[in-house]
Structures are given as structure tokens and as C-alpha cells.
Amino acid sequence: MIKLLIVMFLCGISVALNDDQSDPVVCYSMGCVRGKNYVGNIKPYEGFFGIPYVKQPVGDLRLKDPQPITEKFTEIYNATEEKMFCAQKNYLLPNPSVIGVEDCLYLYVYRPKVSLEHFII
């Protein structure tokens, strides 16, 4: 009985430690997204990068009004890496050129870190 209690206690500590350090996952109407934890100057925060909010304006949708996304995520969407920025002309270079991509309609969401102690189990 004591061995079982010790094992359960150690598993509980392991879950609590891993849960606090693991990447945050948030679910909403379109599915679930995985973000990253960051250490801020005052408090830690979570960041979710490159979450699509409309169909990308490429191909037949180029230069058309934004179209809503109708397909939900089938797996957890990886929102841990930044996407390429929108196309723009860089006038600071000696020979100005266009840099970036047209496929750039994404949300970047930041929020204060949510810890387990805020939840009542």
C-alpha cells in the first residue's frame, strides 16, 4: 500500500512539473493550436504564431476579398514558429527589391502564462 502511494505521489509530481513546462495547447471552434512559453521582463507569457484566420490569397483567391476558413484542424496546429512576413518593398537597400510572401494572413496571439494553480480540480 505504501509503495503504491509513493508511486502515485511521484507520478503526480512528474505530471505537475511536465505540465507547467510543456508547450501550451488551446482549443477553440476551429480546433487546437500549440504555442510556446516565453520568459518576459515581469511575467512569463505564451505565444501562438501563424494561426490562419482566412484562406490564403494565393492562386484563384489572389486580389479577391478574404474567404473564411471552413475546414477545422484535424490535428493540433503547430503555432510555435513565425511565418514569413507579407510582401513589401525594402527601400533601405541600395537596389530596392520586394521581399516577403503573399501567403501572410496569420494571427500572432500573446497572453499571460496560465498555470495549473488557477484551475480548481
Protein backbone atom coordinates (compact mmCIF):
# COMPACT_ATOMS: atom_id res chain seq x y z
CA MET A 1 0.00 0.00 0.00
CA ILE A 2 2.81 2.42 0.90
CA LYS A 3 4.66 1.60 -2.33
CA LEU A 4 1.50 2.40 -4.30
CA LEU A 5 1.14 5.76 -2.52
CA ILE A 6 4.79 6.63 -3.21
CA VAL A 7 4.42 5.76 -6.91
CA MET A 8 1.21 7.82 -7.17
CA PHE A 9 2.90 10.76 -5.41
CA LEU A 10 5.92 10.66 -7.75
CA CYS A 11 3.66 10.40 -10.81
CA GLY A 12 1.68 13.41 -9.58
CA ILE A 13 4.86 15.47 -9.18
CA SER A 14 6.07 14.40 -12.63
CA VAL A 15 2.79 15.38 -14.27
CA ALA A 16 2.71 18.74 -12.47
CA LEU A 17 6.31 19.56 -13.45
CA ASN A 18 5.89 18.46 -17.06
CA ASP A 19 2.55 20.21 -17.43
CA ASP A 20 3.93 23.55 -16.25
CA GLN A 21 6.91 23.41 -18.64
CA SER A 22 5.21 21.88 -21.69
CA ASP A 23 4.03 23.88 -24.65
CA PRO A 24 0.57 25.38 -24.14
CA VAL A 25 -2.31 23.97 -26.19
CA VAL A 26 -5.51 25.96 -26.66
CA CYS A 27 -8.68 24.66 -28.31
CA TYR A 28 -11.34 26.81 -29.96
CA SER A 29 -14.06 26.38 -32.59
CA MET A 30 -11.62 25.60 -35.44
CA GLY A 31 -9.52 23.09 -33.49
CA CYS A 32 -6.50 23.09 -31.20
CA VAL A 33 -3.25 25.06 -31.53
CA ARG A 34 0.10 24.54 -29.82
CA GLY A 35 2.14 27.58 -28.77
CA LYS A 36 5.36 28.27 -26.86
CA ASN A 37 6.24 29.51 -23.39
CA TYR A 38 8.34 32.67 -23.01
CA VAL A 39 10.00 34.45 -20.12
CA GLY A 40 9.05 38.12 -20.06
CA ASN A 41 10.67 41.01 -18.18
CA ILE A 42 7.99 40.87 -15.50
CA LYS A 43 5.91 37.71 -16.00
CA PRO A 44 6.05 34.65 -18.24
CA TYR A 45 3.75 34.58 -21.26
CA GLU A 46 2.60 32.26 -24.04
CA GLY A 47 2.85 32.92 -27.76
CA PHE A 48 0.91 31.38 -30.64
CA PHE A 49 2.32 32.21 -34.09
CA GLY A 50 0.89 31.90 -37.57
CA ILE A 51 -2.70 30.92 -36.84
CA PRO A 52 -4.65 31.17 -40.12
CA TYR A 53 -7.88 33.17 -39.91
CA VAL A 54 -8.89 33.31 -43.60
CA LYS A 55 -7.99 31.30 -46.69
CA GLN A 56 -4.68 32.49 -48.02
CA PRO A 57 -4.90 34.87 -51.03
CA VAL A 58 -2.95 32.76 -53.49
CA GLY A 59 -3.93 31.20 -56.80
CA ASP A 60 -7.60 31.88 -57.68
CA LEU A 61 -8.07 33.91 -54.46
CA ARG A 62 -5.33 36.40 -55.33
CA LEU A 63 -6.60 40.02 -55.22
CA LYS A 64 -10.06 38.85 -54.08
CA ASP A 65 -11.91 39.50 -50.81
CA PRO A 66 -10.79 37.26 -47.94
CA GLN A 67 -12.64 33.93 -47.76
CA PRO A 68 -13.47 32.37 -44.37
CA ILE A 69 -11.83 29.11 -43.43
CA THR A 70 -14.41 26.32 -43.34
CA GLU A 71 -12.17 23.32 -42.61
CA LYS A 72 -11.31 22.62 -38.98
CA PHE A 73 -7.86 21.44 -37.91
CA THR A 74 -7.73 17.64 -37.92
CA GLU A 75 -4.63 17.61 -35.69
CA ILE A 76 -3.12 20.07 -33.23
CA TYR A 77 -1.95 23.04 -35.31
CA ASN A 78 1.72 23.88 -34.71
CA ALA A 79 1.78 27.60 -33.88
CA THR A 80 5.30 27.59 -32.45
CA GLU A 81 7.19 29.12 -35.39
CA GLU A 82 6.82 32.52 -37.01
CA LYS A 83 5.60 32.70 -40.60
CA MET A 84 7.23 34.74 -43.36
CA PHE A 85 6.19 38.40 -43.37
CA CYS A 86 3.96 39.98 -46.03
CA ALA A 87 5.44 41.13 -49.34
CA GLN A 88 6.91 44.62 -49.17
CA LYS A 89 9.48 46.69 -50.97
CA ASN A 90 12.64 47.39 -48.99
CA TYR A 91 13.65 50.96 -49.84
CA LEU A 92 16.55 50.88 -47.38
CA LEU A 93 18.65 48.75 -49.71
CA PRO A 94 20.72 50.38 -52.48
CA ASN A 95 18.70 48.42 -55.07
CA PRO A 96 15.16 48.25 -53.61
CA SER A 97 13.61 44.83 -54.01
CA VAL A 98 10.42 43.09 -52.94
CA ILE A 99 10.85 40.72 -50.01
CA GLY A 100 8.28 38.55 -48.23
CA VAL A 101 5.39 36.39 -49.44
CA GLU A 102 1.73 36.83 -50.38
CA ASP A 103 0.69 33.94 -48.13
CA CYS A 104 0.82 36.01 -44.93
CA LEU A 105 -2.66 36.36 -43.38
CA TYR A 106 -1.97 34.84 -39.97
CA LEU A 107 -2.68 35.81 -36.37
CA TYR A 108 0.00 36.18 -33.72
CA VAL A 109 -1.51 35.85 -30.24
CA TYR A 110 0.21 36.51 -26.92
CA ARG A 111 -1.28 36.00 -23.47
CA PRO A 112 -0.06 35.79 -19.87
CA LYS A 113 1.08 32.30 -18.92
CA VAL A 114 -1.76 30.24 -17.49
CA SER A 115 -0.64 27.96 -14.66
CA LEU A 116 -2.38 24.97 -13.12
CA GLU A 117 -2.88 26.77 -9.81
CA HIS A 118 -5.59 28.91 -11.45
CA PHE A 119 -7.76 25.86 -12.01
CA ILE A 120 -9.84 24.06 -9.40
CA ILE A 121 -9.79 20.31 -9.88
